[in-house]
Amino acid sequence: MATLSAYSSPPWPNPNPDPDPDLLATQDELESQTQSPSEPQSYGSQSSTMPPNPNPNPISNYNTSVSSPPQSTAQPPPISLLHVSFNQDSGCFAAGTDHGFRIYNCDPFREIFRRDFYGSGNSGGGIGAVEMLFRCNVLALVGGGPDPQYPPNKVMIWDDHQSRCIGELSFRSEVRAVKLRRDRIIVVLEQKIFVYNFADLKLLHQIETIANPKGLCAVSHGAGSLVLVCPGLQKGQIRAEHYASKRTKFIMAHDSRTACFALTQDGQLLATASSKGTLVRIFNTVDGTLLQEVRRGADRAEIYSLAFSSTAQWLAVSSDKGTVHVFSLKINPGSPGIERSQSISEPTHAVTTPAASSLSFFKGVLPKYFSSEWSVAQFRLIEGSQYIVAFGHQKNTVVILGLDGSFYRCQFDPVIGGEMTQLEYHNFLKPEAAF
């Protein structure tokens, strides 16, 4: 069960993002589009409160100060990265650290702002999850690390114009992930997902899942209605919720546990990978049809992230093997239900992988491995480090973020394929990398 609180003193901000590509919305723009929240509601046996104290954290064991780093000549404490994630259009990314959070622009790369939380002795302030809403000033924060800023069972709604939390959602277990849309807040727990209305924090839907320690969940971000994808109640099963048509589709994606998945912006296509990490499958979320299957490699790997390009022509994959792969998708983006190309070697606008085309004649004769579709472009990283990937706003580029603070922007050749070209590198945790 969850309890929620909407603080009464500030107006509830408009969740629609500011269209300016580089700056967050101004305070005047924000105030002109706001509305007051409705009265908080209670679900289950727990109660909601509207505390007069604007301090969003009533628990004394957690850090309650919100401040910039202390002004002193002493060396600032070292920063440890706890979380990194892209915003909805991959134009920005957020980093949660053991002392606060930071927001960055991808192209051009620069730090937009940071908020550091310090308790006594320069300790505390850990943020284990930061979820942006495009470029809006409203973010969702979850405490994390050895000394969290907020309890890890709470989602704090942060308004950066006021530099404080303006609402919270409390749960009986730790929050695994948070997803934001202009109209919804989705909170992922170990075995349950809650869907809230953004405007008044009203609970709209609850979903039970199989054990989900990674907090796997994906939501559509297009102008249409919400499509939500999450683990089902069985190993390897994916549940797709289409809220406009009020339809639920269960997809048996893998025999083993689901490790990662991603949605297109409109929620029509789903890419999934299992705990084996060798194959990635692309499904139609409406009818569950398997549209395409691509192979990352032959040996087991942990898949860290999957990402579609904006046109659904390409799919990027990162894993613990230290290589980011880009695959060509043979699916008509305008008609997700259309079957993929009958022949792997059929000409397309993109490169056809030699391994697939040369062996397509033997398809059905040789083992499945030999007729697999392989990536057309690769970028080599340090094996064992954790990276997430997204497509850049410039054509045929990918952006790679590492939990070691690394930022890469690379370009691939859609015709020749092969090794990508590194265009840019930064360590965004180092002061010299800012701005």
Protein backbone atom coordinates (compact mmCIF):
# COMPACT_ATOMS: atom_id res chain seq x y z
CA MET A 1 0.00 0.00 0.00
CA ALA A 2 1.09 3.55 -0.57
CA THR A 3 0.46 6.84 1.09
CA LEU A 4 0.87 10.14 -0.66
CA SER A 5 1.25 13.75 0.32
CA ALA A 6 0.95 16.88 -1.78
CA TYR A 7 2.40 19.83 0.07
CA SER A 8 -0.07 22.66 0.35
CA SER A 9 2.15 25.73 0.17
CA PRO A 10 3.42 25.69 -3.44
CA PRO A 11 1.20 25.51 -6.52
CA TRP A 12 1.34 22.18 -8.32
CA PRO A 13 3.48 22.69 -11.45
CA ASN A 14 2.39 21.95 -14.97
CA PRO A 15 4.07 18.66 -15.95
CA ASN A 16 4.32 19.67 -19.60
CA PRO A 17 7.97 20.27 -20.48
CA ASP A 18 9.39 23.59 -21.53
CA PRO A 19 10.04 23.67 -25.29
CA ASP A 20 13.31 25.55 -24.96
CA PRO A 21 16.01 23.07 -25.97
CA ASP A 22 18.62 24.28 -23.50
CA LEU A 23 16.91 25.88 -20.53
CA LEU A 24 14.27 24.78 -18.09
CA ALA A 25 11.01 26.72 -17.85
CA THR A 26 11.12 30.14 -16.20
CA GLN A 27 9.33 30.67 -12.92
CA ASP A 28 6.88 33.11 -14.52
CA GLU A 29 5.96 30.54 -17.18
CA LEU A 30 5.56 27.90 -14.50
CA GLU A 31 3.26 30.00 -12.28
CA SER A 32 1.06 30.96 -15.21
CA GLN A 33 0.28 27.31 -15.96
CA THR A 34 -0.14 25.83 -12.49
CA GLN A 35 -3.05 24.47 -10.54
CA SER A 36 -3.45 23.55 -6.92
CA PRO A 37 -3.42 19.86 -6.06
CA SER A 38 -6.52 18.12 -4.87
CA GLU A 39 -6.77 16.91 -1.31
CA PRO A 40 -4.40 14.00 -0.68
CA GLN A 41 -5.95 10.56 -0.65
CA SER A 42 -5.27 7.50 1.45
CA TYR A 43 -5.00 3.95 0.19
CA GLY A 44 -5.14 1.03 2.58
CA SER A 45 -4.45 1.46 6.25
CA GLN A 46 -1.86 4.20 5.92
CA SER A 47 -2.86 7.82 6.02
CA SER A 48 -1.87 10.85 3.99
CA THR A 49 -0.78 14.11 5.51
CA MET A 50 -0.26 17.62 4.32
CA PRO A 51 2.54 18.82 6.58
CA PRO A 52 2.84 22.55 7.08
CA ASN A 53 6.58 22.14 7.32
CA PRO A 54 7.97 22.27 3.75
CA ASN A 55 10.73 19.88 4.74
CA PRO A 56 9.67 16.79 2.80
CA ASN A 57 11.43 14.32 5.06
CA PRO A 58 10.07 13.92 8.59
CA ILE A 59 12.40 11.06 9.45
CA SER A 60 15.33 12.31 11.51
CA ASN A 61 17.64 9.48 10.50
CA TYR A 62 17.85 10.84 6.97
CA ASN A 63 19.54 14.01 5.80
CA THR A 64 17.21 16.97 5.86
CA SER A 65 19.39 19.83 4.68
CA VAL A 66 19.18 21.01 1.10
CA SER A 67 22.15 23.13 0.24
CA SER A 68 25.02 23.79 -2.06
CA PRO A 69 28.40 22.33 -1.16
CA PRO A 70 29.84 23.98 1.95
CA GLN A 71 32.10 26.91 1.22
CA SER A 72 35.52 26.04 2.52
CA THR A 73 39.07 25.60 1.35
CA ALA A 74 38.96 21.89 2.15
CA GLN A 75 38.87 19.39 -0.69
CA PRO A 76 35.24 18.40 -1.42
CA PRO A 77 34.37 14.79 -0.65
CA PRO A 78 34.78 12.33 -3.53
CA ILE A 79 31.65 11.71 -5.56
CA SER A 80 30.28 8.21 -6.15
CA LEU A 81 27.78 7.67 -8.95
CA LEU A 82 24.67 5.74 -7.88
CA HIS A 83 22.39 6.19 -10.90
CA VAL A 84 22.40 7.48 -14.45
CA SER A 85 19.48 7.70 -16.89
CA PHE A 86 18.40 9.53 -20.04
CA ASN A 87 15.32 11.72 -20.19
CA GLN A 88 12.43 10.76 -22.46
CA ASP A 89 13.92 12.06 -25.73
CA SER A 90 17.56 11.28 -24.80
CA GLY A 91 18.50 14.93 -25.14
CA CYS A 92 19.52 15.12 -21.48
CA PHE A 93 20.61 12.74 -18.77
CA ALA A 94 20.47 12.73 -14.99
CA ALA A 95 23.04 11.40 -12.55
CA GLY A 96 22.32 10.50 -8.93
CA THR A 97 25.30 10.59 -6.59
CA ASP A 98 25.98 9.95 -2.92
CA HIS A 99 25.68 13.73 -2.37
CA GLY A 100 22.83 14.82 -4.65
CA PHE A 101 22.05 14.87 -8.36
CA ARG A 102 23.17 16.52 -11.58
CA ILE A 103 21.53 17.21 -14.94
CA TYR A 104 23.44 17.28 -18.23
CA ASN A 105 22.74 18.16 -21.85
CA CYS A 106 23.91 15.60 -24.41
CA ASP A 107 24.52 17.64 -27.55
CA PRO A 108 26.38 19.80 -27.01
CA PHE A 109 27.62 18.14 -23.86
CA ARG A 110 27.44 20.39 -20.82
CA GLU A 111 26.30 20.31 -17.24
CA ILE A 112 23.01 22.18 -16.90
CA PHE A 113 22.80 22.23 -13.11
CA ARG A 114 23.54 20.27 -9.98
CA ARG A 115 21.97 20.06 -6.54
CA ASP A 116 24.14 18.88 -3.70
CA PHE A 117 22.75 17.77 -0.34
CA TYR A 118 25.09 17.82 2.61
CA GLY A 119 24.50 16.78 6.18
CA SER A 120 26.85 17.15 9.10
CA GLY A 121 30.45 16.45 8.28
CA ASN A 122 29.88 16.75 4.51
CA SER A 123 28.19 13.37 4.54
CA GLY A 124 24.89 12.08 3.25
CA GLY A 125 22.61 13.22 0.50
CA GLY A 126 22.52 9.99 -1.52
CA ILE A 127 20.12 9.94 -4.49
CA GLY A 128 19.60 6.45 -5.88
CA ALA A 129 17.21 7.37 -8.71
CA VAL A 130 16.51 10.56 -10.67
CA GLU A 131 13.75 10.63 -13.25
CA MET A 132 13.42 13.65 -15.52
CA LEU A 133 10.29 14.81 -17.33
CA PHE A 134 11.72 15.93 -20.66
CA ARG A 135 13.25 19.33 -19.72
CA CYS A 136 10.70 20.32 -17.12
CA ASN A 137 11.77 21.66 -13.72
CA VAL A 138 9.91 18.79 -12.00
CA LEU A 139 11.84 15.60 -11.23
CA ALA A 140 11.23 12.43 -9.23
CA LEU A 141 13.89 11.51 -6.66
CA VAL A 142 14.47 8.39 -4.59
CA GLY A 143 17.06 8.22 -1.83
CA GLY A 144 19.86 5.70 -2.22
CA GLY A 145 23.39 4.73 -1.30
CA PRO A 146 24.82 4.15 2.17
CA ASP A 147 23.56 7.51 3.47
CA PRO A 148 20.38 8.41 1.53
CA GLN A 149 18.89 11.87 1.41
CA TYR A 150 15.36 10.45 1.56
CA PRO A 151 14.00 7.09 2.72
CA PRO A 152 14.31 4.55 -0.12
CA ASN A 153 10.62 3.69 0.22
CA LYS A 154 9.55 7.19 -0.87
CA VAL A 155 9.28 8.97 -4.20
CA MET A 156 9.92 12.67 -3.75
CA ILE A 157 8.52 15.12 -6.32
CA TRP A 158 11.17 17.82 -6.65
CA ASP A 159 10.54 21.31 -8.08
CA ASP A 160 13.90 22.74 -9.00
CA HIS A 161 12.59 26.31 -9.26
CA GLN A 162 11.84 26.13 -5.55
CA SER A 163 14.79 23.82 -4.78
CA ARG A 164 12.63 21.62 -2.63
CA CYS A 165 10.18 18.75 -2.68
CA ILE A 166 6.53 19.62 -3.27
CA GLY A 167 5.02 16.15 -2.87
CA GLU A 168 5.80 12.57 -2.00
CA LEU A 169 4.57 9.02 -2.42
CA SER A 170 5.31 6.59 0.42
CA PHE A 171 5.34 2.80 0.26
CA ARG A 172 5.89 -0.16 2.55
CA SER A 173 8.90 -1.45 0.59
CA GLU A 174 11.78 0.06 -1.34
CA VAL A 175 11.13 1.82 -4.62
CA ARG A 176 12.92 0.08 -7.49
CA ALA A 177 12.22 2.61 -10.26
CA VAL A 178 10.11 5.62 -11.24
CA LYS A 179 8.82 6.58 -14.69
CA LEU A 180 7.31 9.94 -15.58
CA ARG A 181 4.96 11.07 -18.32
CA ARG A 182 3.24 14.40 -18.74
CA ASP A 183 0.08 12.85 -17.32
CA ARG A 184 1.27 9.92 -15.18
CA ILE A 185 3.70 8.87 -12.47
CA ILE A 186 4.61 5.17 -12.46
CA VAL A 187 6.27 3.70 -9.37
CA VAL A 188 7.87 0.25 -9.50
CA LEU A 189 8.28 -1.88 -6.38
CA GLU A 190 9.69 -5.39 -6.06
CA GLN A 191 6.43 -7.11 -7.03
CA LYS A 192 3.96 -4.33 -7.74
CA ILE A 193 3.57 -1.29 -9.98
CA PHE A 194 1.44 1.76 -9.15
CA VAL A 195 0.13 4.20 -11.77
CA TYR A 196 -0.83 7.69 -10.54
CA ASN A 197 -2.39 10.71 -12.17
CA PHE A 198 0.27 13.43 -12.31
CA ALA A 199 -2.03 16.39 -11.59
CA ASP A 200 -3.38 15.23 -8.22
CA LEU A 201 -1.41 12.04 -7.37
CA LYS A 202 -4.57 9.97 -7.51
CA LEU A 203 -3.96 6.22 -7.74
CA LEU A 204 -5.33 4.89 -11.05
CA HIS A 205 -4.03 1.35 -11.40
CA GLN A 206 -2.09 -1.39 -9.59
CA ILE A 207 -0.24 -4.21 -11.33
CA GLU A 208 1.25 -7.29 -9.72
CA THR A 209 4.45 -8.68 -11.22
CA ILE A 210 6.93 -11.47 -10.71
CA ALA A 211 9.91 -10.53 -8.52
CA ASN A 212 11.40 -7.47 -10.22
CA PRO A 213 14.51 -6.36 -8.32
CA LYS A 214 15.78 -4.31 -11.27
CA GLY A 215 12.56 -2.32 -11.42
CA LEU A 216 11.99 -3.19 -15.08
CA CYS A 217 9.26 -1.03 -16.60
CA ALA A 218 8.87 1.00 -19.78
CA VAL A 219 6.22 3.50 -20.84
CA SER A 220 5.40 5.22 -24.12
CA HIS A 221 6.06 8.95 -24.43
CA GLY A 222 4.29 9.84 -27.65
CA ALA A 223 1.30 12.12 -27.87
CA GLY A 224 -1.07 9.16 -27.79
CA SER A 225 -2.37 7.20 -24.86
CA LEU A 226 -0.18 5.42 -22.36
CA VAL A 227 1.32 2.03 -23.17
CA LEU A 228 3.03 0.41 -20.18
CA VAL A 229 5.22 -2.68 -20.34
CA CYS A 230 6.37 -4.66 -17.30
CA PRO A 231 7.21 -8.23 -16.26
CA GLY A 232 4.23 -10.57 -16.01
CA LEU A 233 3.65 -13.19 -13.34
CA GLN A 234 5.74 -15.87 -15.02
CA LYS A 235 9.43 -16.14 -15.84
CA GLY A 236 10.10 -14.64 -19.28
CA GLN A 237 6.58 -13.21 -19.60
CA ILE A 238 5.98 -9.56 -20.55
CA ARG A 239 2.76 -7.69 -19.81
CA ALA A 240 1.72 -4.86 -22.15
CA GLU A 241 -1.02 -2.51 -20.95
CA HIS A 242 -2.78 -0.43 -23.62
CA TYR A 243 -4.76 2.09 -21.61
CA ALA A 244 -6.60 3.68 -24.55
CA SER A 245 -8.18 0.41 -25.66
CA LYS A 246 -8.21 -1.01 -22.12
CA ARG A 247 -6.47 -4.12 -23.41
CA THR A 248 -3.81 -6.24 -21.74
CA LYS A 249 -1.49 -8.42 -23.81
CA PHE A 250 0.77 -11.09 -22.31
CA ILE A 251 3.84 -12.02 -24.37
CA MET A 252 5.99 -15.06 -23.65
CA ALA A 253 9.21 -13.43 -24.75
CA HIS A 254 11.81 -15.85 -23.33
CA ASP A 255 12.22 -19.19 -21.62
CA SER A 256 14.53 -17.66 -19.04
CA ARG A 257 14.18 -14.56 -16.87
CA THR A 258 13.71 -11.21 -18.62
CA ALA A 259 16.76 -9.02 -18.10
CA CYS A 260 15.97 -5.87 -20.07
CA PHE A 261 13.42 -4.37 -22.44
CA ALA A 262 12.63 -1.12 -24.25
CA LEU A 263 9.68 0.50 -26.02
CA THR A 264 9.42 2.78 -29.01
CA GLN A 265 8.09 6.26 -28.31
CA ASP A 266 4.60 5.28 -29.45
CA GLY A 267 4.66 2.01 -27.50
CA GLN A 268 3.99 -0.16 -30.55
CA LEU A 269 7.31 -2.02 -30.64
CA LEU A 270 9.02 -3.85 -27.79
CA ALA A 271 12.61 -5.11 -27.66
CA THR A 272 13.45 -7.73 -25.02
CA ALA A 273 16.51 -9.62 -23.82
CA SER A 274 16.70 -12.52 -21.39
CA SER A 275 19.20 -13.33 -18.67
CA LYS A 276 21.19 -15.35 -21.24
CA GLY A 277 21.88 -12.14 -23.16
CA THR A 278 22.54 -13.79 -26.50
CA LEU A 279 19.37 -12.88 -28.40
CA VAL A 280 17.22 -9.76 -28.60
CA ARG A 281 13.62 -10.09 -29.79
CA ILE A 282 11.33 -7.42 -31.19
CA PHE A 283 7.58 -7.79 -30.68
CA ASN A 284 4.42 -6.00 -31.67
CA THR A 285 2.87 -4.96 -28.35
CA VAL A 286 -0.69 -4.96 -29.73
CA ASP A 287 -0.93 -8.62 -30.79
CA GLY A 288 2.31 -10.05 -29.37
CA THR A 289 3.73 -11.02 -32.78
CA LEU A 290 7.46 -11.73 -32.91
CA LEU A 291 8.70 -9.44 -35.68
CA GLN A 292 12.45 -9.94 -35.62
CA GLU A 293 15.23 -11.65 -33.69
CA VAL A 294 18.86 -10.46 -33.61
CA ARG A 295 21.94 -11.97 -32.02
CA ARG A 296 24.32 -10.06 -29.75
CA GLY A 297 26.75 -12.97 -29.42
CA ALA A 298 27.20 -16.64 -28.65
CA ASP A 299 28.28 -16.44 -25.00
CA ARG A 300 26.15 -15.35 -22.06
CA ALA A 301 26.06 -11.68 -21.17
CA GLU A 302 24.17 -9.32 -18.92
CA ILE A 303 22.25 -6.84 -21.03
CA TYR A 304 22.30 -3.39 -19.44
CA SER A 305 20.19 -1.40 -21.87
CA LEU A 306 18.23 -1.49 -25.12
CA ALA A 307 17.24 1.58 -27.14
CA PHE A 308 15.28 2.19 -30.33
CA SER A 309 16.13 5.03 -32.68
CA SER A 310 13.38 7.63 -33.11
CA THR A 311 12.38 6.09 -36.45
CA ALA A 312 12.61 2.49 -35.16
CA GLN A 313 15.12 1.77 -37.94
CA TRP A 314 17.91 0.91 -35.50
CA LEU A 315 18.28 -0.82 -32.14
CA ALA A 316 21.22 -0.31 -29.79
CA VAL A 317 22.31 -2.80 -27.12
CA SER A 318 24.86 -2.54 -24.30
CA SER A 319 26.11 -5.37 -22.10
CA ASP A 320 28.81 -6.36 -19.64
CA LYS A 321 30.92 -7.64 -22.54
CA GLY A 322 32.08 -4.09 -23.18
CA THR A 323 30.64 -3.70 -26.70
CA VAL A 324 27.74 -1.53 -27.80
CA HIS A 325 25.96 -3.05 -30.80
CA VAL A 326 23.68 -1.36 -33.33
CA PHE A 327 21.26 -3.58 -35.24
CA SER A 328 19.25 -2.83 -38.36
CA LEU A 329 15.51 -3.38 -37.91
CA LYS A 330 13.52 -4.59 -40.90
CA ILE A 331 10.15 -3.37 -39.67
CA ASN A 332 7.96 -0.72 -41.20
CA PRO A 333 7.69 1.90 -38.40
CA GLY A 334 4.30 3.01 -39.69
CA SER A 335 2.89 -0.52 -39.58
CA PRO A 336 4.39 -2.43 -36.64
CA GLY A 337 2.34 -5.50 -37.41
CA ILE A 338 3.92 -6.06 -40.80
CA GLU A 339 6.10 -9.13 -40.93
CA ARG A 340 9.81 -8.60 -41.24
CA SER A 341 11.59 -9.10 -44.55
CA GLN A 342 11.26 -12.66 -45.78
CA SER A 343 14.87 -12.83 -46.87
CA ILE A 344 17.61 -11.62 -44.57
CA SER A 345 19.63 -10.67 -47.63
CA GLU A 346 16.80 -8.62 -49.17
CA PRO A 347 18.14 -5.17 -50.13
CA THR A 348 17.33 -2.33 -47.75
CA HIS A 349 18.51 1.22 -47.25
CA ALA A 350 20.73 -0.02 -44.45
CA VAL A 351 23.69 -2.36 -44.51
CA THR A 352 23.00 -6.09 -44.59
CA THR A 353 25.28 -8.01 -42.28
CA PRO A 354 27.67 -10.33 -44.16
CA ALA A 355 27.27 -13.11 -41.61
CA ALA A 356 23.54 -13.18 -42.15
CA SER A 357 23.45 -12.77 -45.92
CA SER A 358 26.15 -15.30 -46.77
CA LEU A 359 24.45 -18.01 -44.76
CA SER A 360 20.84 -17.20 -45.55
CA PHE A 361 20.79 -19.97 -48.16
CA PHE A 362 21.38 -22.51 -45.40
CA LYS A 363 18.62 -21.19 -43.18
CA GLY A 364 16.69 -24.13 -41.81
CA VAL A 365 19.57 -26.51 -42.53
CA LEU A 366 22.36 -25.23 -40.29
CA PRO A 367 21.82 -24.54 -36.59
CA LYS A 368 19.97 -21.36 -35.75
CA TYR A 369 23.19 -19.66 -34.70
CA PHE A 370 24.52 -19.58 -38.26
CA SER A 371 21.43 -17.91 -39.70
CA SER A 372 21.26 -15.23 -37.02
CA GLU A 373 21.14 -11.52 -37.74
CA TRP A 374 24.20 -9.80 -36.31
CA SER A 375 24.90 -6.18 -35.49
CA VAL A 376 25.95 -3.82 -38.27
CA ALA A 377 28.03 -1.50 -36.06
CA GLN A 378 29.98 -1.86 -32.81
CA PHE A 379 31.83 0.29 -30.29
CA ARG A 380 34.30 -1.27 -27.86
CA LEU A 381 34.34 -0.21 -24.21
CA ILE A 382 35.91 -1.49 -21.00
CA GLU A 383 34.54 -4.96 -20.31
CA GLY A 384 32.78 -5.36 -16.97
CA SER A 385 31.76 -1.72 -16.58
CA GLN A 386 28.07 -0.82 -16.73
CA TYR A 387 26.89 1.34 -19.62
CA ILE A 388 23.55 2.52 -20.95
CA VAL A 389 22.98 3.67 -24.52
CA ALA A 390 20.62 5.89 -26.52
CA PHE A 391 20.53 7.34 -30.00
CA GLY A 392 21.73 10.91 -30.39
CA HIS A 393 19.82 13.73 -32.00
CA GLN A 394 22.36 13.92 -34.82
CA LYS A 395 21.89 11.35 -37.55
CA ASN A 396 23.51 7.94 -37.04
CA THR A 397 24.95 8.76 -33.63
CA VAL A 398 24.71 7.01 -30.28
CA VAL A 399 25.36 8.36 -26.79
CA ILE A 400 26.85 6.04 -24.18
CA LEU A 401 26.86 6.70 -20.42
CA GLY A 402 28.92 4.73 -17.91
CA LEU A 403 28.56 4.33 -14.16
CA ASP A 404 32.23 5.29 -14.04
CA GLY A 405 31.24 8.80 -15.19
CA SER A 406 32.12 8.32 -18.84
CA PHE A 407 30.24 10.02 -21.68
CA TYR A 408 30.79 8.91 -25.27
CA ARG A 409 29.22 10.17 -28.45
CA CYS A 410 29.87 7.93 -31.44
CA GLN A 411 28.83 7.74 -35.07
CA PHE A 412 28.14 4.68 -37.19
CA ASP A 413 28.09 4.25 -40.95
CA PRO A 414 24.66 2.88 -41.98
CA VAL A 415 26.03 1.52 -45.27
CA ILE A 416 29.47 0.14 -44.42
CA GLY A 417 28.86 -0.64 -40.74
CA GLY A 418 31.75 -1.93 -38.66
CA GLU A 419 33.49 -0.07 -35.88
CA MET A 420 31.91 3.21 -34.85
CA THR A 421 33.84 6.46 -34.80
CA GLN A 422 34.26 8.17 -31.45
CA LEU A 423 33.26 11.82 -31.75
CA GLU A 424 33.43 12.92 -28.13
CA TYR A 425 34.44 11.78 -24.66
CA HIS A 426 34.01 13.37 -21.22
CA ASN A 427 34.16 12.26 -17.62
CA PHE A 428 31.12 14.09 -16.28
CA LEU A 429 32.07 13.56 -12.64
CA LYS A 430 35.20 15.66 -12.95
CA PRO A 431 34.89 19.45 -12.44
CA GLU A 432 36.70 20.23 -15.69
CA ALA A 433 34.03 18.31 -17.60
CA ALA A 434 31.27 20.71 -16.48
CA PHE A 435 30.16 23.31 -19.01
